[in-house]
Every structure is written in structure tokens, then in C-alpha cells.
Amino acid sequence: MLLMQFSSAGTDFPSIETWTPEEIQAHIGFMGDVNAKLVADGEWVQGEGLAGPAQAKIVRAGADGAPVVTEGPFAETKEFLAGWWIVDTDSPERAVEIAAHISTAPGPGGRPLNMPIEVHPVMSAPSQEM
């Protein structure tokens, strides 16, 4: 699983709300091209972009099991999950290559964003012997 993290800390580009429509289209087009190549290469399993933290919720079970919801935005955090992909690759190294390419998604002025992409192996179920 490849996780695209966005952080306002440590970045040198403005938030997407300030990008021009052309810059946003270039960014979205790049992501569409990434997905199309993953499909063509037989590596695509699933992926999605996510809404920003202002639309996210944290849910915990209360004492009676009823949901306790915390609304966003979350002032205490500077990072949020912007999107994810599940890929089926022949090696962990290939997943790292894909993540590095995704990190080059264009931002303002077409400059690569170089956002961190986390690479996590997806766990499988334990064997029947366990």
C-alpha cells in the first residue's frame, strides 16, 4: 500500500487552494497517468484520493458502544493522508520505484512536489497452523 502524506510543515509550496486551475489539472492529470500505467503494467489493485482533513472525522466507541465523533480540522496535526494506492508488484523494490515516481507529482509552476509516499506491505492472513 502506498500512502500519500501531505504536510504543511517542511514543504516549500503553497496549499492547493492557492494553485491555479492549470496547476491543479496538471497534478490530477499526472495522477491519472500514474493510474493508467499501473493498470497497463498489471500492477493496479486499487487507489483513491481523499478529501482534506476538514471533512474527515475520528470515531471512537463510547462507554455504551455508541460512536463518539471528533470533527476536523485537526489543529493539533500538520499532516494528513491525501490518497492511497494498493499495487501488486513483483518485488518491494518495484513498489519503492512507483512511490518515488508518484512523489514527483507536479505542483505550482510544474515543479515536482516530492511529497513523502509511505510504502507498507499489506499483511496476509496467518497460516491455518497458527
N, C-alpha and C. Protein backbone atom coordinates (compact mmCIF):
# COMPACT_ATOMS: atom_id res chain seq x y z
N MET A 1 0.86 -1.16 0.00
CA MET A 1 0.00 0.00 0.00
C MET A 1 0.90 1.22 0.00
N LEU A 2 0.61 2.14 -0.89
CA LEU A 2 1.35 3.39 -0.99
C LEU A 2 0.46 4.49 -0.44
N LEU A 3 0.95 5.21 0.55
CA LEU A 3 0.17 6.25 1.21
C LEU A 3 0.80 7.61 0.93
N MET A 4 0.01 8.50 0.34
CA MET A 4 0.49 9.85 0.05
C MET A 4 0.17 10.74 1.24
N GLN A 5 1.20 11.15 1.93
CA GLN A 5 1.05 12.05 3.07
C GLN A 5 1.25 13.48 2.61
N PHE A 6 0.47 14.37 3.14
CA PHE A 6 0.69 15.78 2.88
C PHE A 6 1.01 16.43 4.20
N SER A 7 2.00 17.29 4.20
CA SER A 7 2.37 18.00 5.41
C SER A 7 2.62 19.46 5.06
N SER A 8 1.98 20.35 5.81
CA SER A 8 2.26 21.76 5.60
C SER A 8 3.58 22.15 6.26
N ALA A 9 4.06 21.30 7.15
CA ALA A 9 5.37 21.53 7.78
C ALA A 9 6.44 20.94 6.86
N GLY A 10 7.46 21.69 6.61
CA GLY A 10 8.57 21.17 5.82
C GLY A 10 8.36 21.19 4.32
N THR A 11 7.29 21.81 3.84
CA THR A 11 7.10 21.93 2.40
C THR A 11 7.40 23.36 1.98
N ASP A 12 7.78 23.50 0.74
CA ASP A 12 8.07 24.86 0.25
C ASP A 12 7.14 25.24 -0.89
N PHE A 13 5.91 24.74 -0.84
CA PHE A 13 4.91 25.12 -1.84
C PHE A 13 3.61 25.48 -1.12
N PRO A 14 2.82 26.34 -1.71
CA PRO A 14 1.57 26.77 -1.07
C PRO A 14 0.51 25.67 -1.11
N SER A 15 -0.50 25.80 -0.25
CA SER A 15 -1.59 24.83 -0.21
C SER A 15 -2.32 24.82 -1.55
N ILE A 16 -2.94 23.70 -1.87
CA ILE A 16 -3.57 23.50 -3.18
C ILE A 16 -4.69 24.52 -3.43
N GLU A 17 -5.27 25.08 -2.38
CA GLU A 17 -6.32 26.08 -2.56
C GLU A 17 -5.80 27.33 -3.27
N THR A 18 -4.49 27.53 -3.29
CA THR A 18 -3.91 28.72 -3.93
C THR A 18 -3.37 28.43 -5.33
N TRP A 19 -3.40 27.17 -5.77
CA TRP A 19 -2.89 26.81 -7.09
C TRP A 19 -3.83 27.32 -8.17
N THR A 20 -3.28 27.55 -9.35
CA THR A 20 -4.11 27.94 -10.49
C THR A 20 -4.89 26.71 -10.98
N PRO A 21 -5.99 26.92 -11.70
CA PRO A 21 -6.71 25.77 -12.26
C PRO A 21 -5.81 24.91 -13.14
N GLU A 22 -4.89 25.51 -13.88
CA GLU A 22 -3.99 24.75 -14.74
C GLU A 22 -3.04 23.87 -13.92
N GLU A 23 -2.57 24.40 -12.79
CA GLU A 23 -1.67 23.61 -11.93
C GLU A 23 -2.41 22.44 -11.30
N ILE A 24 -3.65 22.66 -10.91
CA ILE A 24 -4.46 21.58 -10.34
C ILE A 24 -4.72 20.51 -11.41
N GLN A 25 -5.07 20.94 -12.62
CA GLN A 25 -5.32 19.99 -13.71
C GLN A 25 -4.07 19.18 -14.04
N ALA A 26 -2.90 19.83 -14.03
CA ALA A 26 -1.64 19.12 -14.30
C ALA A 26 -1.39 18.06 -13.23
N HIS A 27 -1.67 18.42 -11.99
CA HIS A 27 -1.46 17.49 -10.88
C HIS A 27 -2.41 16.29 -11.02
N ILE A 28 -3.69 16.57 -11.24
CA ILE A 28 -4.68 15.50 -11.38
C ILE A 28 -4.38 14.65 -12.63
N GLY A 29 -3.98 15.30 -13.72
CA GLY A 29 -3.62 14.56 -14.93
C GLY A 29 -2.46 13.62 -14.69
N PHE A 30 -1.46 14.08 -13.94
CA PHE A 30 -0.32 13.23 -13.60
C PHE A 30 -0.79 11.99 -12.85
N MET A 31 -1.67 12.18 -11.87
CA MET A 31 -2.17 11.05 -11.09
C MET A 31 -2.96 10.08 -11.98
N GLY A 32 -3.74 10.62 -12.91
CA GLY A 32 -4.46 9.77 -13.85
C GLY A 32 -3.51 8.96 -14.72
N ASP A 33 -2.41 9.59 -15.16
CA ASP A 33 -1.40 8.89 -15.96
C ASP A 33 -0.73 7.79 -15.14
N VAL A 34 -0.43 8.08 -13.86
CA VAL A 34 0.16 7.06 -12.99
C VAL A 34 -0.77 5.86 -12.91
N ASN A 35 -2.04 6.11 -12.65
CA ASN A 35 -3.01 5.02 -12.52
C ASN A 35 -3.14 4.23 -13.81
N ALA A 36 -3.19 4.91 -14.94
CA ALA A 36 -3.31 4.23 -16.23
C ALA A 36 -2.11 3.34 -16.49
N LYS A 37 -0.91 3.81 -16.15
CA LYS A 37 0.30 2.99 -16.34
C LYS A 37 0.30 1.78 -15.42
N LEU A 38 -0.14 1.97 -14.17
CA LEU A 38 -0.23 0.83 -13.26
C LEU A 38 -1.21 -0.21 -13.79
N VAL A 39 -2.33 0.23 -14.34
CA VAL A 39 -3.30 -0.70 -14.94
C VAL A 39 -2.66 -1.42 -16.11
N ALA A 40 -2.02 -0.68 -17.02
CA ALA A 40 -1.40 -1.27 -18.21
C ALA A 40 -0.31 -2.27 -17.84
N ASP A 41 0.42 -2.00 -16.75
CA ASP A 41 1.50 -2.89 -16.31
C ASP A 41 1.01 -4.04 -15.45
N GLY A 42 -0.31 -4.10 -15.19
CA GLY A 42 -0.87 -5.17 -14.38
C GLY A 42 -0.54 -5.04 -12.89
N GLU A 43 -0.20 -3.84 -12.43
CA GLU A 43 0.18 -3.64 -11.03
C GLU A 43 -0.93 -2.95 -10.22
N TRP A 44 -1.93 -2.42 -10.88
CA TRP A 44 -3.01 -1.70 -10.21
C TRP A 44 -3.92 -2.67 -9.48
N VAL A 45 -4.22 -2.38 -8.22
CA VAL A 45 -5.25 -3.09 -7.49
C VAL A 45 -6.36 -2.11 -7.15
N GLN A 46 -5.99 -0.99 -6.50
CA GLN A 46 -6.99 0.00 -6.10
C GLN A 46 -6.28 1.27 -5.66
N GLY A 47 -6.96 2.38 -5.71
CA GLY A 47 -6.40 3.63 -5.22
C GLY A 47 -7.44 4.73 -5.25
N GLU A 48 -7.26 5.71 -4.39
CA GLU A 48 -8.19 6.83 -4.31
C GLU A 48 -7.48 8.05 -3.74
N GLY A 49 -7.95 9.22 -4.14
CA GLY A 49 -7.58 10.45 -3.44
C GLY A 49 -8.58 10.66 -2.33
N LEU A 50 -8.17 11.34 -1.29
CA LEU A 50 -9.04 11.55 -0.14
C LEU A 50 -9.33 13.03 0.06
N ALA A 51 -10.50 13.33 0.62
CA ALA A 51 -10.85 14.71 0.96
C ALA A 51 -9.92 15.20 2.06
N GLY A 52 -9.85 16.49 2.20
CA GLY A 52 -8.97 17.09 3.19
C GLY A 52 -9.44 16.86 4.62
N PRO A 53 -8.59 17.22 5.58
CA PRO A 53 -8.90 16.96 6.98
C PRO A 53 -10.15 17.67 7.49
N ALA A 54 -10.55 18.76 6.86
CA ALA A 54 -11.76 19.46 7.31
C ALA A 54 -13.01 18.61 7.13
N GLN A 55 -12.95 17.61 6.24
CA GLN A 55 -14.11 16.75 6.00
C GLN A 55 -13.96 15.39 6.68
N ALA A 56 -12.84 15.16 7.33
CA ALA A 56 -12.60 13.87 7.99
C ALA A 56 -13.16 13.88 9.41
N LYS A 57 -13.34 12.69 9.95
CA LYS A 57 -13.83 12.52 11.30
C LYS A 57 -13.02 11.41 11.98
N ILE A 58 -12.82 11.56 13.27
CA ILE A 58 -12.25 10.48 14.06
C ILE A 58 -13.38 9.91 14.89
N VAL A 59 -13.53 8.60 14.86
CA VAL A 59 -14.64 7.94 15.57
C VAL A 59 -14.07 6.93 16.56
N ARG A 60 -14.57 6.99 17.76
CA ARG A 60 -14.25 6.01 18.80
C ARG A 60 -15.57 5.53 19.40
N ALA A 61 -15.53 4.35 19.96
CA ALA A 61 -16.72 3.85 20.66
C ALA A 61 -16.75 4.46 22.05
N GLY A 62 -17.91 4.99 22.43
CA GLY A 62 -18.11 5.50 23.78
C GLY A 62 -18.33 4.35 24.75
N ALA A 63 -18.56 4.69 26.00
CA ALA A 63 -18.73 3.67 27.04
C ALA A 63 -19.85 2.69 26.72
N ASP A 64 -20.91 3.17 26.06
CA ASP A 64 -22.03 2.30 25.72
C ASP A 64 -21.91 1.72 24.31
N GLY A 65 -20.77 1.95 23.67
CA GLY A 65 -20.56 1.45 22.31
C GLY A 65 -21.04 2.40 21.23
N ALA A 66 -21.73 3.47 21.61
CA ALA A 66 -22.21 4.46 20.63
C ALA A 66 -21.02 5.26 20.10
N PRO A 67 -21.10 5.70 18.85
CA PRO A 67 -19.98 6.45 18.28
C PRO A 67 -19.78 7.81 18.95
N VAL A 68 -18.52 8.12 19.23
CA VAL A 68 -18.12 9.43 19.68
C VAL A 68 -17.28 10.02 18.55
N VAL A 69 -17.75 11.11 17.95
CA VAL A 69 -17.15 11.66 16.75
C VAL A 69 -16.42 12.95 17.06
N THR A 70 -15.18 13.04 16.59
CA THR A 70 -14.41 14.28 16.66
C THR A 70 -14.36 14.84 15.26
N GLU A 71 -14.82 16.06 15.08
CA GLU A 71 -14.83 16.71 13.77
C GLU A 71 -13.46 17.29 13.44
N GLY A 72 -13.17 17.49 12.15
CA GLY A 72 -11.98 18.21 11.72
C GLY A 72 -12.31 19.68 11.59
N PRO A 73 -11.41 20.57 11.23
CA PRO A 73 -9.99 20.26 11.02
C PRO A 73 -9.28 20.00 12.34
N PHE A 74 -8.14 19.39 12.23
CA PHE A 74 -7.41 18.95 13.39
C PHE A 74 -6.21 19.85 13.59
N ALA A 75 -6.38 20.87 14.40
CA ALA A 75 -5.33 21.86 14.60
C ALA A 75 -4.07 21.26 15.20
N GLU A 76 -4.19 20.14 15.90
CA GLU A 76 -3.04 19.55 16.57
C GLU A 76 -2.12 18.79 15.61
N THR A 77 -2.51 18.58 14.38
CA THR A 77 -1.67 17.85 13.43
C THR A 77 -1.33 18.72 12.23
N LYS A 78 -0.18 18.47 11.67
CA LYS A 78 0.24 19.21 10.48
C LYS A 78 0.26 18.30 9.25
N GLU A 79 -0.05 17.03 9.43
CA GLU A 79 -0.02 16.07 8.33
C GLU A 79 -1.39 15.42 8.16
N PHE A 80 -1.68 15.02 6.93
CA PHE A 80 -2.89 14.25 6.69
C PHE A 80 -2.68 13.34 5.50
N LEU A 81 -3.48 12.29 5.44
CA LEU A 81 -3.43 11.32 4.36
C LEU A 81 -4.19 11.90 3.17
N ALA A 82 -3.49 12.07 2.05
CA ALA A 82 -4.09 12.69 0.86
C ALA A 82 -4.61 11.67 -0.14
N GLY A 83 -4.08 10.46 -0.11
CA GLY A 83 -4.53 9.44 -1.05
C GLY A 83 -3.75 8.15 -0.85
N TRP A 84 -4.16 7.11 -1.56
CA TRP A 84 -3.50 5.82 -1.42
C TRP A 84 -3.66 4.98 -2.67
N TRP A 85 -2.77 4.04 -2.82
CA TRP A 85 -2.81 3.04 -3.88
C TRP A 85 -2.51 1.69 -3.27
N ILE A 86 -3.14 0.67 -3.76
CA ILE A 86 -2.72 -0.69 -3.48
C ILE A 86 -2.22 -1.23 -4.80
N VAL A 87 -0.96 -1.67 -4.79
CA VAL A 87 -0.34 -2.19 -6.01
C VAL A 87 0.11 -3.61 -5.76
N ASP A 88 0.16 -4.38 -6.82
CA ASP A 88 0.63 -5.77 -6.76
C ASP A 88 1.89 -5.83 -7.60
N THR A 89 3.04 -5.81 -6.93
CA THR A 89 4.31 -5.76 -7.63
C THR A 89 5.09 -7.05 -7.44
N ASP A 90 6.07 -7.27 -8.31
CA ASP A 90 6.91 -8.47 -8.22
C ASP A 90 7.92 -8.38 -7.09
N SER A 91 8.17 -7.17 -6.59
CA SER A 91 9.17 -7.02 -5.54
C SER A 91 8.89 -5.76 -4.72
N PRO A 92 9.40 -5.72 -3.50
CA PRO A 92 9.29 -4.49 -2.71
C PRO A 92 10.01 -3.31 -3.38
N GLU A 93 11.09 -3.61 -4.08
CA GLU A 93 11.84 -2.55 -4.77
C GLU A 93 10.99 -1.87 -5.83
N ARG A 94 10.15 -2.63 -6.53
CA ARG A 94 9.28 -2.05 -7.54
C ARG A 94 8.26 -1.12 -6.88
N ALA A 95 7.73 -1.49 -5.73
CA ALA A 95 6.79 -0.62 -5.02
C ALA A 95 7.48 0.69 -4.65
N VAL A 96 8.74 0.63 -4.25
CA VAL A 96 9.50 1.84 -3.91
C VAL A 96 9.70 2.71 -5.16
N GLU A 97 9.97 2.08 -6.32
CA GLU A 97 10.11 2.84 -7.57
C GLU A 97 8.82 3.58 -7.91
N ILE A 98 7.68 2.90 -7.76
CA ILE A 98 6.39 3.53 -8.05
C ILE A 98 6.17 4.71 -7.09
N ALA A 99 6.47 4.50 -5.81
CA ALA A 99 6.29 5.56 -4.82
C ALA A 99 7.15 6.77 -5.16
N ALA A 100 8.39 6.55 -5.57
CA ALA A 100 9.27 7.66 -5.94
C ALA A 100 8.70 8.43 -7.12
N HIS A 101 8.15 7.71 -8.09
CA HIS A 101 7.56 8.38 -9.25
C HIS A 101 6.34 9.21 -8.83
N ILE A 102 5.49 8.65 -8.00
CA ILE A 102 4.31 9.39 -7.54
C ILE A 102 4.74 10.65 -6.80
N SER A 103 5.82 10.58 -6.06
CA SER A 103 6.33 11.73 -5.31
C SER A 103 6.67 12.92 -6.21
N THR A 104 6.92 12.65 -7.49
CA THR A 104 7.28 13.73 -8.42
C THR A 104 6.07 14.45 -9.00
N ALA A 105 4.88 14.18 -8.49
CA ALA A 105 3.68 14.85 -8.99
C ALA A 105 3.90 16.36 -9.03
N PRO A 106 3.45 17.01 -10.11
CA PRO A 106 3.70 18.45 -10.24
C PRO A 106 2.84 19.28 -9.31
N GLY A 107 3.42 20.38 -8.90
CA GLY A 107 2.72 21.38 -8.08
C GLY A 107 2.78 22.73 -8.77
N PRO A 108 2.82 23.80 -8.01
CA PRO A 108 2.87 25.14 -8.60
C PRO A 108 4.05 25.30 -9.55
N GLY A 109 3.76 25.87 -10.70
CA GLY A 109 4.80 26.08 -11.70
C GLY A 109 5.29 24.80 -12.34
N GLY A 110 4.61 23.67 -12.10
CA GLY A 110 5.03 22.40 -12.66
C GLY A 110 6.17 21.74 -11.92
N ARG A 111 6.63 22.37 -10.86
CA ARG A 111 7.74 21.83 -10.08
C ARG A 111 7.31 20.59 -9.32
N PRO A 112 8.14 19.51 -9.28
CA PRO A 112 7.77 18.31 -8.51
C PRO A 112 7.56 18.64 -7.04
N LEU A 113 6.51 18.06 -6.45
CA LEU A 113 6.22 18.30 -5.05
C LEU A 113 7.15 17.52 -4.12
N ASN A 114 7.59 16.35 -4.56
CA ASN A 114 8.44 15.48 -3.74
C ASN A 114 7.82 15.21 -2.37
N MET A 115 6.50 14.97 -2.37
CA MET A 115 5.80 14.63 -1.12
C MET A 115 6.21 13.22 -0.70
N PRO A 116 6.26 12.97 0.60
CA PRO A 116 6.59 11.61 1.04
C PRO A 116 5.47 10.64 0.71
N ILE A 117 5.87 9.48 0.23
CA ILE A 117 4.93 8.39 -0.04
C ILE A 117 5.37 7.22 0.84
N GLU A 118 4.51 6.81 1.76
CA GLU A 118 4.84 5.67 2.61
C GLU A 118 4.56 4.39 1.84
N VAL A 119 5.43 3.39 2.00
CA VAL A 119 5.25 2.09 1.38
C VAL A 119 5.08 1.07 2.50
N HIS A 120 3.91 0.42 2.52
CA HIS A 120 3.60 -0.57 3.54
C HIS A 120 3.24 -1.89 2.88
N PRO A 121 3.90 -2.99 3.24
CA PRO A 121 3.41 -4.29 2.78
C PRO A 121 2.03 -4.54 3.38
N VAL A 122 1.15 -5.13 2.60
CA VAL A 122 -0.17 -5.49 3.10
C VAL A 122 -0.04 -6.89 3.70
N MET A 123 -0.44 -7.01 4.93
CA MET A 123 -0.30 -8.30 5.61
C MET A 123 -1.32 -9.29 5.07
N SER A 124 -0.91 -10.53 5.06
CA SER A 124 -1.84 -11.59 4.69
C SER A 124 -2.31 -12.29 5.96
N ALA A 125 -3.32 -13.09 5.83
CA ALA A 125 -3.84 -13.82 6.98
C ALA A 125 -2.80 -14.82 7.46
N PRO A 126 -2.79 -15.11 8.74
CA PRO A 126 -1.86 -16.11 9.24
C PRO A 126 -2.21 -17.49 8.67
N SER A 127 -1.22 -18.34 8.64
CA SER A 127 -1.46 -19.69 8.12
C SER A 127 -2.44 -20.42 9.01
N GLN A 128 -3.03 -21.48 8.50
CA GLN A 128 -4.02 -22.26 9.24
C GLN A 128 -3.40 -22.93 10.47
N GLU A 129 -2.08 -23.12 10.45
CA GLU A 129 -1.40 -23.77 11.58
C GLU A 129 -1.37 -22.87 12.80
N MET A 130 -1.57 -21.56 12.63
CA MET A 130 -1.46 -20.64 13.77
C MET A 130 -2.69 -20.65 14.57
